[in-house]
Amino acid sequence: MDIVVAITLFVLALLIGVEVIGKVPATLHTPLMSGANSIHGIVIAGVVIVAAHATSPLAWVFIFLAAVLGTMNVVGGYVVTDRMLEMFKSDKGKKKKEEAK
């Protein structure tokens, strides 16, 4: 019975996530990466909590997938956010860094 509830929650979360993200225009996806980082951080914290109580091999498969995919999203989000912030830095700051080297 627990696995049915877990799968149901997973499917509902997937549907809600797709619906929410599907309504956002493509031009806003990059600025939303910072928000996505915090959400995926919560997912990773949830994975740790679930891993403490996992007993079945199927649960460990889902735990592993959630941990890997959540970590990929957090790292990717920080890379994209860093690149986006680099675009808005002034040329004067870049020249000062080059002169200092």
PDB file of N, CA and C in Angstrom:
ATOM      1  N   MET A   1       0.825  -1.196   0.000  1.00  0.00           N
ATOM      2  CA  MET A   1       0.000   0.000   0.000  1.00  0.00           C
ATOM      3  C   MET A   1       0.866   1.256   0.000  1.00  0.00           C
ATOM      4  N   ASP A   2       1.997   1.238   0.722  1.00  0.00           N
ATOM      5  CA  ASP A   2       2.875   2.410   0.762  1.00  0.00           C
ATOM      6  C   ASP A   2       3.434   2.739  -0.619  1.00  0.00           C
ATOM      7  N   ILE A   3       3.762   1.712  -1.393  1.00  0.00           N
ATOM      8  CA  ILE A   3       4.326   1.960  -2.723  1.00  0.00           C
ATOM      9  C   ILE A   3       3.287   2.593  -3.646  1.00  0.00           C
ATOM     10  N   VAL A   4       2.032   2.228  -3.486  1.00  0.00           N
ATOM     11  CA  VAL A   4       0.964   2.819  -4.305  1.00  0.00           C
ATOM     12  C   VAL A   4       0.824   4.304  -3.981  1.00  0.00           C
ATOM     13  N   VAL A   5       0.877   4.635  -2.708  1.00  0.00           N
ATOM     14  CA  VAL A   5       0.788   6.043  -2.293  1.00  0.00           C
ATOM     15  C   VAL A   5       1.997   6.815  -2.812  1.00  0.00           C
ATOM     16  N   ALA A   6       3.178   6.232  -2.705  1.00  0.00           N
ATOM     17  CA  ALA A   6       4.393   6.900  -3.171  1.00  0.00           C
ATOM     18  C   ALA A   6       4.349   7.140  -4.678  1.00  0.00           C
ATOM     19  N   ILE A   7       3.932   6.142  -5.438  1.00  0.00           N
ATOM     20  CA  ILE A   7       3.849   6.301  -6.891  1.00  0.00           C
ATOM     21  C   ILE A   7       2.777   7.321  -7.265  1.00  0.00           C
ATOM     22  N   THR A   8       1.656   7.309  -6.556  1.00  0.00           N
ATOM     23  CA  THR A   8       0.595   8.282  -6.813  1.00  0.00           C
ATOM     24  C   THR A   8       1.090   9.702  -6.559  1.00  0.00           C
ATOM     25  N   LEU A   9       1.781   9.918  -5.453  1.00  0.00           N
ATOM     26  CA  LEU A   9       2.337  11.238  -5.159  1.00  0.00           C
ATOM     27  C   LEU A   9       3.362  11.658  -6.198  1.00  0.00           C
ATOM     28  N   PHE A  10       4.184  10.722  -6.633  1.00  0.00           N
ATOM     29  CA  PHE A  10       5.191  11.009  -7.653  1.00  0.00           C
ATOM     30  C   PHE A  10       4.537  11.441  -8.954  1.00  0.00           C
ATOM     31  N   VAL A  11       3.520  10.714  -9.390  1.00  0.00           N
ATOM     32  CA  VAL A  11       2.827  11.042 -10.645  1.00  0.00           C
ATOM     33  C   VAL A  11       2.113  12.382 -10.531  1.00  0.00           C
ATOM     34  N   LEU A  12       1.457  12.645  -9.410  1.00  0.00           N
ATOM     35  CA  LEU A  12       0.788  13.928  -9.216  1.00  0.00           C
ATOM     36  C   LEU A  12       1.796  15.081  -9.215  1.00  0.00           C
ATOM     37  N   ALA A  13       2.924  14.897  -8.565  1.00  0.00           N
ATOM     38  CA  ALA A  13       3.962  15.931  -8.555  1.00  0.00           C
ATOM     39  C   ALA A  13       4.497  16.174  -9.958  1.00  0.00           C
ATOM     40  N   LEU A  14       4.659  15.103 -10.711  1.00  0.00           N
ATOM     41  CA  LEU A  14       5.117  15.235 -12.096  1.00  0.00           C
ATOM     42  C   LEU A  14       4.122  16.026 -12.929  1.00  0.00           C
ATOM     43  N   LEU A  15       2.858  15.692 -12.826  1.00  0.00           N
ATOM     44  CA  LEU A  15       1.832  16.390 -13.603  1.00  0.00           C
ATOM     45  C   LEU A  15       1.741  17.864 -13.222  1.00  0.00           C
ATOM     46  N   ILE A  16       1.796  18.153 -11.941  1.00  0.00           N
ATOM     47  CA  ILE A  16       1.737  19.547 -11.493  1.00  0.00           C
ATOM     48  C   ILE A  16       2.977  20.305 -11.967  1.00  0.00           C
ATOM     49  N   GLY A  17       4.137  19.692 -11.862  1.00  0.00           N
ATOM     50  CA  GLY A  17       5.369  20.341 -12.313  1.00  0.00           C
ATOM     51  C   GLY A  17       5.357  20.648 -13.793  1.00  0.00           C
ATOM     52  N   VAL A  18       4.906  19.695 -14.588  1.00  0.00           N
ATOM     53  CA  VAL A  18       4.823  19.915 -16.037  1.00  0.00           C
ATOM     54  C   VAL A  18       3.826  21.017 -16.352  1.00  0.00           C
ATOM     55  N   GLU A  19       2.712  21.033 -15.667  1.00  0.00           N
ATOM     56  CA  GLU A  19       1.690  22.052 -15.900  1.00  0.00           C
ATOM     57  C   GLU A  19       2.200  23.450 -15.533  1.00  0.00           C
ATOM     58  N   VAL A  20       2.885  23.556 -14.414  1.00  0.00           N
ATOM     59  CA  VAL A  20       3.391  24.861 -13.976  1.00  0.00           C
ATOM     60  C   VAL A  20       4.479  25.365 -14.918  1.00  0.00           C
ATOM     61  N   ILE A  21       5.443  24.537 -15.232  1.00  0.00           N
ATOM     62  CA  ILE A  21       6.551  24.949 -16.093  1.00  0.00           C
ATOM     63  C   ILE A  21       6.075  25.175 -17.528  1.00  0.00           C
ATOM     64  N   GLY A  22       5.103  24.403 -17.970  1.00  0.00           N
ATOM     65  CA  GLY A  22       4.589  24.558 -19.332  1.00  0.00           C
ATOM     66  C   GLY A  22       3.944  25.910 -19.582  1.00  0.00           C
ATOM     67  N   LYS A  23       3.479  26.573 -18.548  1.00  0.00           N
ATOM     68  CA  LYS A  23       2.825  27.878 -18.683  1.00  0.00           C
ATOM     69  C   LYS A  23       3.827  29.038 -18.686  1.00  0.00           C
ATOM     70  N   VAL A  24       5.088  28.776 -18.369  1.00  0.00           N
ATOM     71  CA  VAL A  24       6.097  29.840 -18.304  1.00  0.00           C
ATOM     72  C   VAL A  24       6.696  30.044 -19.692  1.00  0.00           C
ATOM     73  N   PRO A  25       6.751  31.302 -20.158  1.00  0.00           N
ATOM     74  CA  PRO A  25       7.373  31.560 -21.461  1.00  0.00           C
ATOM     75  C   PRO A  25       8.851  31.172 -21.452  1.00  0.00           C
ATOM     76  N   ALA A  26       9.361  30.785 -22.600  1.00  0.00           N
ATOM     77  CA  ALA A  26      10.745  30.310 -22.702  1.00  0.00           C
ATOM     78  C   ALA A  26      11.748  31.390 -22.290  1.00  0.00           C
ATOM     79  N   THR A  27      11.416  32.659 -22.464  1.00  0.00           N
ATOM     80  CA  THR A  27      12.348  33.735 -22.107  1.00  0.00           C
ATOM     81  C   THR A  27      12.559  33.846 -20.596  1.00  0.00           C
ATOM     82  N   LEU A  28      11.684  33.273 -19.812  1.00  0.00           N
ATOM     83  CA  LEU A  28      11.817  33.349 -18.359  1.00  0.00           C
ATOM     84  C   LEU A  28      12.450  32.111 -17.740  1.00  0.00           C
ATOM     85  N   HIS A  29      12.772  31.103 -18.533  1.00  0.00           N
ATOM     86  CA  HIS A  29      13.314  29.867 -17.968  1.00  0.00           C
ATOM     87  C   HIS A  29      14.660  30.085 -17.296  1.00  0.00           C
ATOM     88  N   THR A  30      15.548  30.872 -17.907  1.00  0.00           N
ATOM     89  CA  THR A  30      16.871  31.078 -17.315  1.00  0.00           C
ATOM     90  C   THR A  30      16.793  31.823 -15.991  1.00  0.00           C
ATOM     91  N   PRO A  31      16.028  32.930 -15.889  1.00  0.00           N
ATOM     92  CA  PRO A  31      15.944  33.588 -14.569  1.00  0.00           C
ATOM     93  C   PRO A  31      15.318  32.710 -13.492  1.00  0.00           C
ATOM     94  N   LEU A  32      14.517  31.747 -13.880  1.00  0.00           N
ATOM     95  CA  LEU A  32      13.882  30.881 -12.888  1.00  0.00           C
ATOM     96  C   LEU A  32      14.801  29.772 -12.388  1.00  0.00           C
ATOM     97  N   MET A  33      15.998  29.671 -12.954  1.00  0.00           N
ATOM     98  CA  MET A  33      16.911  28.608 -12.535  1.00  0.00           C
ATOM     99  C   MET A  33      17.308  28.751 -11.071  1.00  0.00           C
ATOM    100  N   SER A  34      17.421  29.982 -10.593  1.00  0.00           N
ATOM    101  CA  SER A  34      17.781  30.159  -9.180  1.00  0.00           C
ATOM    102  C   SER A  34      16.699  29.598  -8.275  1.00  0.00           C
ATOM    103  N   GLY A  35      15.448  29.812  -8.641  1.00  0.00           N
ATOM    104  CA  GLY A  35      14.348  29.230  -7.876  1.00  0.00           C
ATOM    105  C   GLY A  35      14.339  27.723  -7.967  1.00  0.00           C
ATOM    106  N   ALA A  36      14.668  27.210  -9.146  1.00  0.00           N
ATOM    107  CA  ALA A  36      14.716  25.760  -9.329  1.00  0.00           C
ATOM    108  C   ALA A  36      15.823  25.144  -8.479  1.00  0.00           C
ATOM    109  N   ASN A  37      16.913  25.873  -8.287  1.00  0.00           N
ATOM    110  CA  ASN A  37      17.995  25.357  -7.434  1.00  0.00           C
ATOM    111  C   ASN A  37      17.495  25.091  -6.026  1.00  0.00           C
ATOM    112  N   SER A  38      16.713  26.006  -5.484  1.00  0.00           N
ATOM    113  CA  SER A  38      16.226  25.805  -4.119  1.00  0.00           C
ATOM    114  C   SER A  38      15.233  24.649  -4.055  1.00  0.00           C
ATOM    115  N   ILE A  39      14.398  24.514  -5.073  1.00  0.00           N
ATOM    116  CA  ILE A  39      13.432  23.409  -5.094  1.00  0.00           C
ATOM    117  C   ILE A  39      14.151  22.075  -5.183  1.00  0.00           C
ATOM    118  N   HIS A  40      15.170  21.979  -6.017  1.00  0.00           N
ATOM    119  CA  HIS A  40      15.898  20.721  -6.136  1.00  0.00           C
ATOM    120  C   HIS A  40      16.743  20.444  -4.904  1.00  0.00           C
ATOM    121  N   GLY A  41      17.156  21.498  -4.218  1.00  0.00           N
ATOM    122  CA  GLY A  41      17.825  21.295  -2.934  1.00  0.00           C
ATOM    123  C   GLY A  41      16.889  20.649  -1.931  1.00  0.00           C
ATOM    124  N   ILE A  42      15.622  21.055  -1.954  1.00  0.00           N
ATOM    125  CA  ILE A  42      14.618  20.442  -1.087  1.00  0.00           C
ATOM    126  C   ILE A  42      14.406  18.979  -1.482  1.00  0.00           C
ATOM    127  N   VAL A  43      14.428  18.702  -2.784  1.00  0.00           N
ATOM    128  CA  VAL A  43      14.287  17.318  -3.261  1.00  0.00           C
ATOM    129  C   VAL A  43      15.427  16.466  -2.720  1.00  0.00           C
ATOM    130  N   ILE A  44      16.638  16.986  -2.769  1.00  0.00           N
ATOM    131  CA  ILE A  44      17.787  16.228  -2.283  1.00  0.00           C
ATOM    132  C   ILE A  44      17.684  16.000  -0.772  1.00  0.00           C
ATOM    133  N   ALA A  45      17.210  17.009  -0.028  1.00  0.00           N
ATOM    134  CA  ALA A  45      17.006  16.821   1.411  1.00  0.00           C
ATOM    135  C   ALA A  45      15.939  15.752   1.656  1.00  0.00           C
ATOM    136  N   GLY A  46      14.888  15.737   0.853  1.00  0.00           N
ATOM    137  CA  GLY A  46      13.855  14.708   0.965  1.00  0.00           C
ATOM    138  C   GLY A  46      14.395  13.328   0.658  1.00  0.00           C
ATOM    139  N   VAL A  47      15.299  13.251  -0.306  1.00  0.00           N
ATOM    140  CA  VAL A  47      15.917  11.965  -0.655  1.00  0.00           C
ATOM    141  C   VAL A  47      16.688  11.418   0.544  1.00  0.00           C
ATOM    142  N   VAL A  48      17.387  12.281   1.238  1.00  0.00           N
ATOM    143  CA  VAL A  48      18.154  11.835   2.413  1.00  0.00           C
ATOM    144  C   VAL A  48      17.210  11.306   3.493  1.00  0.00           C
ATOM    145  N   ILE A  49      16.103  12.002   3.692  1.00  0.00           N
ATOM    146  CA  ILE A  49      15.131  11.565   4.708  1.00  0.00           C
ATOM    147  C   ILE A  49      14.509  10.229   4.316  1.00  0.00           C
ATOM    148  N   VAL A  50      14.126  10.105   3.043  1.00  0.00           N
ATOM    149  CA  VAL A  50      13.516   8.853   2.575  1.00  0.00           C
ATOM    150  C   VAL A  50      14.533   7.712   2.638  1.00  0.00           C
ATOM    151  N   ALA A  51      15.783   7.997   2.319  1.00  0.00           N
ATOM    152  CA  ALA A  51      16.821   6.953   2.337  1.00  0.00           C
ATOM    153  C   ALA A  51      17.015   6.381   3.734  1.00  0.00           C
ATOM    154  N   ALA A  52      16.760   7.182   4.754  1.00  0.00           N
ATOM    155  CA  ALA A  52      16.926   6.704   6.131  1.00  0.00           C
ATOM    156  C   ALA A  52      15.910   5.623   6.489  1.00  0.00           C
ATOM    157  N   HIS A  53      14.771   5.611   5.789  1.00  0.00           N
ATOM    158  CA  HIS A  53      13.706   4.657   6.115  1.00  0.00           C
ATOM    159  C   HIS A  53      13.442   3.638   5.003  1.00  0.00           C
ATOM    160  N   ALA A  54      14.242   3.651   3.962  1.00  0.00           N
ATOM    161  CA  ALA A  54      14.009   2.759   2.824  1.00  0.00           C
ATOM    162  C   ALA A  54      14.385   1.322   3.166  1.00  0.00           C
ATOM    163  N   THR A  55      13.548   0.398   2.708  1.00  0.00           N
ATOM    164  CA  THR A  55      13.827  -1.010   2.957  1.00  0.00           C
ATOM    165  C   THR A  55      13.821  -1.852   1.692  1.00  0.00           C
ATOM    166  N   SER A  56      13.091  -1.422   0.662  1.00  0.00           N
ATOM    167  CA  SER A  56      12.975  -2.259  -0.536  1.00  0.00           C
ATOM    168  C   SER A  56      13.971  -1.814  -1.610  1.00  0.00           C
ATOM    169  N   PRO A  57      14.363  -2.730  -2.470  1.00  0.00           N
ATOM    170  CA  PRO A  57      15.278  -2.390  -3.567  1.00  0.00           C
ATOM    171  C   PRO A  57      14.671  -1.365  -4.539  1.00  0.00           C
ATOM    172  N   LEU A  58      13.364  -1.428  -4.739  1.00  0.00           N
ATOM    173  CA  LEU A  58      12.713  -0.461  -5.624  1.00  0.00           C
ATOM    174  C   LEU A  58      12.813   0.948  -5.043  1.00  0.00           C
ATOM    175  N   ALA A  59      12.688   1.061  -3.743  1.00  0.00           N
ATOM    176  CA  ALA A  59      12.838   2.368  -3.099  1.00  0.00           C
ATOM    177  C   ALA A  59      14.248   2.908  -3.304  1.00  0.00           C
ATOM    178  N   TRP A  60      15.255   2.035  -3.214  1.00  0.00           N
ATOM    179  CA  TRP A  60      16.632   2.480  -3.420  1.00  0.00           C
ATOM    180  C   TRP A  60      16.870   2.926  -4.854  1.00  0.00           C
ATOM    181  N   VAL A  61      16.194   2.300  -5.811  1.00  0.00           N
ATOM    182  CA  VAL A  61      16.311   2.741  -7.213  1.00  0.00           C
ATOM    183  C   VAL A  61      15.756   4.154  -7.361  1.00  0.00           C
ATOM    184  N   PHE A  62      14.578   4.402  -6.792  1.00  0.00           N
ATOM    185  CA  PHE A  62      13.989   5.737  -6.871  1.00  0.00           C
ATOM    186  C   PHE A  62      14.820   6.766  -6.104  1.00  0.00           C
ATOM    187  N   ILE A  63      15.382   6.356  -4.979  1.00  0.00           N
ATOM    188  CA  ILE A  63      16.237   7.254  -4.202  1.00  0.00           C
ATOM    189  C   ILE A  63      17.463   7.638  -5.021  1.00  0.00           C
ATOM    190  N   PHE A  64      18.073   6.664  -5.652  1.00  0.00           N
ATOM    191  CA  PHE A  64      19.252   6.935  -6.471  1.00  0.00           C
ATOM    192  C   PHE A  64      18.903   7.868  -7.630  1.00  0.00           C
ATOM    193  N   LEU A  65      17.811   7.585  -8.323  1.00  0.00           N
ATOM    194  CA  LEU A  65      17.401   8.439  -9.448  1.00  0.00           C
ATOM    195  C   LEU A  65      17.105   9.860  -8.992  1.00  0.00           C
ATOM    196  N   ALA A  66      16.393  10.007  -7.892  1.00  0.00           N
ATOM    197  CA  ALA A  66      16.070  11.343  -7.383  1.00  0.00           C
ATOM    198  C   ALA A  66      17.331  12.092  -6.981  1.00  0.00           C
ATOM    199  N   ALA A  67      18.268  11.401  -6.354  1.00  0.00           N
ATOM    200  CA  ALA A  67      19.509  12.055  -5.926  1.00  0.00           C
ATOM    201  C   ALA A  67      20.340  12.496  -7.127  1.00  0.00           C
ATOM    202  N   VAL A  68      20.469  11.628  -8.112  1.00  0.00           N
ATOM    203  CA  VAL A  68      21.274  11.960  -9.300  1.00  0.00           C
ATOM    204  C   VAL A  68      20.632  13.092 -10.098  1.00  0.00           C
ATOM    205  N   LEU A  69      19.342  12.975 -10.375  1.00  0.00           N
ATOM    206  CA  LEU A  69      18.675  14.002 -11.175  1.00  0.00           C
ATOM    207  C   LEU A  69      18.591  15.334 -10.422  1.00  0.00           C
ATOM    208  N   GLY A  70      18.318  15.289  -9.135  1.00  0.00           N
ATOM    209  CA  GLY A  70      18.271  16.521  -8.354  1.00  0.00           C
ATOM    210  C   GLY A  70      19.625  17.210  -8.305  1.00  0.00           C
ATOM    211  N   THR A  71      20.682  16.431  -8.122  1.00  0.00           N
ATOM    212  CA  THR A  71      22.029  16.996  -8.094  1.00  0.00           C
ATOM    213  C   THR A  71      22.407  17.592  -9.442  1.00  0.00           C
ATOM    214  N   MET A  72      22.061  16.903 -10.516  1.00  0.00           N
ATOM    215  CA  MET A  72      22.335  17.439 -11.860  1.00  0.00           C
ATOM    216  C   MET A  72      21.626  18.773 -12.067  1.00  0.00           C
ATOM    217  N   ASN A  73      20.394  18.879 -11.610  1.00  0.00           N
ATOM    218  CA  ASN A  73      19.648  20.121 -11.774  1.00  0.00           C
ATOM    219  C   ASN A  73      20.227  21.248 -10.926  1.00  0.00           C
ATOM    220  N   VAL A  74      20.658  20.942  -9.714  1.00  0.00           N
ATOM    221  CA  VAL A  74      21.248  21.980  -8.863  1.00  0.00           C
ATOM    222  C   VAL A  74      22.551  22.492  -9.486  1.00  0.00           C
ATOM    223  N   VAL A  75      23.425  21.589  -9.889  1.00  0.00           N
ATOM    224  CA  VAL A  75      24.702  21.993 -10.482  1.00  0.00           C
ATOM    225  C   VAL A  75      24.467  22.748 -11.787  1.00  0.00           C
ATOM    226  N   GLY A  76      23.595  22.227 -12.630  1.00  0.00           N
ATOM    227  CA  GLY A  76      23.286  22.907 -13.892  1.00  0.00           C
ATOM    228  C   GLY A  76      22.684  24.277 -13.666  1.00  0.00           C
ATOM    229  N   GLY A  77      21.839  24.394 -12.669  1.00  0.00           N
ATOM    230  CA  GLY A  77      21.232  25.684 -12.358  1.00  0.00           C
ATOM    231  C   GLY A  77      22.258  26.710 -11.927  1.00  0.00           C
ATOM    232  N   TYR A  78      23.220  26.288 -11.110  1.00  0.00           N
ATOM    233  CA  TYR A  78      24.259  27.224 -10.688  1.00  0.00           C
ATOM    234  C   TYR A  78      25.149  27.618 -11.866  1.00  0.00           C
ATOM    235  N   VAL A  79      25.434  26.699 -12.760  1.00  0.00           N
ATOM    236  CA  VAL A  79      26.249  27.026 -13.935  1.00  0.00           C
ATOM    237  C   VAL A  79      25.523  28.034 -14.817  1.00  0.00           C
ATOM    238  N   VAL A  80      24.245  27.796 -15.077  1.00  0.00           N
ATOM    239  CA  VAL A  80      23.468  28.713 -15.908  1.00  0.00           C
ATOM    240  C   VAL A  80      23.339  30.076 -15.238  1.00  0.00           C
ATOM    241  N   THR A  81      23.077  30.099 -13.941  1.00  0.00           N
ATOM    242  CA  THR A  81      22.954  31.366 -13.213  1.00  0.00           C
ATOM    243  C   THR A  81      24.276  32.131 -13.249  1.00  0.00           C
ATOM    244  N   ASP A  82      25.394  31.435 -13.090  1.00  0.00           N
ATOM    245  CA  ASP A  82      26.698  32.086 -13.145  1.00  0.00           C
ATOM    246  C   ASP A  82      26.951  32.692 -14.521  1.00  0.00           C
ATOM    247  N   ARG A  83      26.633  31.954 -15.569  1.00  0.00           N
ATOM    248  CA  ARG A  83      26.802  32.484 -16.927  1.00  0.00           C
ATOM    249  C   ARG A  83      25.912  33.693 -17.159  1.00  0.00           C
ATOM    250  N   MET A  84      24.691  33.636 -16.653  1.00  0.00           N
ATOM    251  CA  MET A  84      23.766  34.746 -16.820  1.00  0.00           C
ATOM    252  C   MET A  84      24.296  35.986 -16.093  1.00  0.00           C
ATOM    253  N   LEU A  85      24.822  35.823 -14.890  1.00  0.00           N
ATOM    254  CA  LEU A  85      25.356  36.953 -14.149  1.00  0.00           C
ATOM    255  C   LEU A  85      26.610  37.522 -14.809  1.00  0.00           C
ATOM    256  N   GLU A  86      27.418  36.682 -15.436  1.00  0.00           N
ATOM    257  CA  GLU A  86      28.606  37.147 -16.154  1.00  0.00           C
ATOM    258  C   GLU A  86      28.228  38.079 -17.310  1.00  0.00           C
ATOM    259  N   MET A  87      27.069  37.852 -17.921  1.00  0.00           N
ATOM    260  CA  MET A  87      26.635  38.681 -19.042  1.00  0.00           C
ATOM    261  C   MET A  87      26.365  40.116 -18.596  1.00  0.00           C
ATOM    262  N   PHE A  88      25.987  40.315 -17.339  1.00  0.00           N
ATOM    263  CA  PHE A  88      25.598  41.633 -16.871  1.00  0.00           C
ATOM    264  C   PHE A  88      26.719  42.389 -16.169  1.00  0.00           C
ATOM    265  N   LYS A  89      27.889  41.793 -16.066  1.00  0.00           N
ATOM    266  CA  LYS A  89      29.020  42.498 -15.467  1.00  0.00           C
ATOM    267  C   LYS A  89      29.591  43.494 -16.468  1.00  0.00           C
ATOM    268  N   SER A  90      30.064  44.599 -15.959  1.00  0.00           N
ATOM    269  CA  SER A  90      30.588  45.640 -16.841  1.00  0.00           C
ATOM    270  C   SER A  90      31.958  45.259 -17.384  1.00  0.00           C
ATOM    271  N   ASP A  91      32.324  45.893 -18.488  1.00  0.00           N
ATOM    272  CA  ASP A  91      33.636  45.646 -19.082  1.00  0.00           C
ATOM    273  C   ASP A  91      34.757  46.216 -18.223  1.00  0.00           C
ATOM    274  N   LYS A  92      34.472  47.264 -17.432  1.00  0.00           N
ATOM    275  CA  LYS A  92      35.485  47.865 -16.571  1.00  0.00           C
ATOM    276  C   LYS A  92      35.971  46.863 -15.531  1.00  0.00           C
ATOM    277  N   GLY A  93      35.051  46.091 -14.968  1.00  0.00           N
ATOM    278  CA  GLY A  93      35.443  45.083 -13.981  1.00  0.00           C
ATOM    279  C   GLY A  93      36.311  44.003 -14.595  1.00  0.00           C
ATOM    280  N   LYS A  94      36.014  43.628 -15.833  1.00  0.00           N
ATOM    281  CA  LYS A  94      36.827  42.610 -16.518  1.00  0.00           C
ATOM    282  C   LYS A  94      38.226  43.133 -16.813  1.00  0.00           C
ATOM    283  N   LYS A  95      38.322  44.409 -17.211  1.00  0.00           N
ATOM    284  CA  LYS A  95      39.633  44.981 -17.514  1.00  0.00           C
ATOM    285  C   LYS A  95      40.490  45.076 -16.256  1.00  0.00           C
ATOM    286  N   LYS A  96      39.868  45.416 -15.126  1.00  0.00           N
ATOM    287  CA  LYS A  96      40.621  45.500 -13.871  1.00  0.00           C
ATOM    288  C   LYS A  96      41.166  44.134 -13.470  1.00  0.00           C
ATOM    289  N   LYS A  97      40.370  43.090 -13.675  1.00  0.00           N
ATOM    290  CA  LYS A  97      40.833  41.744 -13.354  1.00  0.00           C
ATOM    291  C   LYS A  97      42.008  41.342 -14.240  1.00  0.00           C
ATOM    292  N   GLU A  98      41.930  41.687 -15.524  1.00  0.00           N
ATOM    293  CA  GLU A  98      43.014  41.350 -16.459  1.00  0.00           C
ATOM    294  C   GLU A  98      44.277  42.114 -16.118  1.00  0.00           C
ATOM    295  N   GLU A  99      44.149  43.390 -15.710  1.00  0.00           N
ATOM    296  CA  GLU A  99      45.316  44.193 -15.354  1.00  0.00           C
ATOM    297  C   GLU A  99      45.976  43.670 -14.079  1.00  0.00           C
ATOM    298  N   ALA A 100      45.172  43.158 -13.157  1.00  0.00           N
ATOM    299  CA  ALA A 100      45.702  42.652 -11.896  1.00  0.00           C
ATOM    300  C   ALA A 100      46.543  41.394 -12.110  1.00  0.00           C
ATOM    301  N   LYS A 101      46.238  40.646 -13.147  1.00  0.00           N
ATOM    302  CA  LYS A 101      46.978  39.400 -13.416  1.00  0.00           C
ATOM    303  C   LYS A 101      48.270  39.755 -14.042  1.00  0.00           C
TER     304      LYS A 101
END
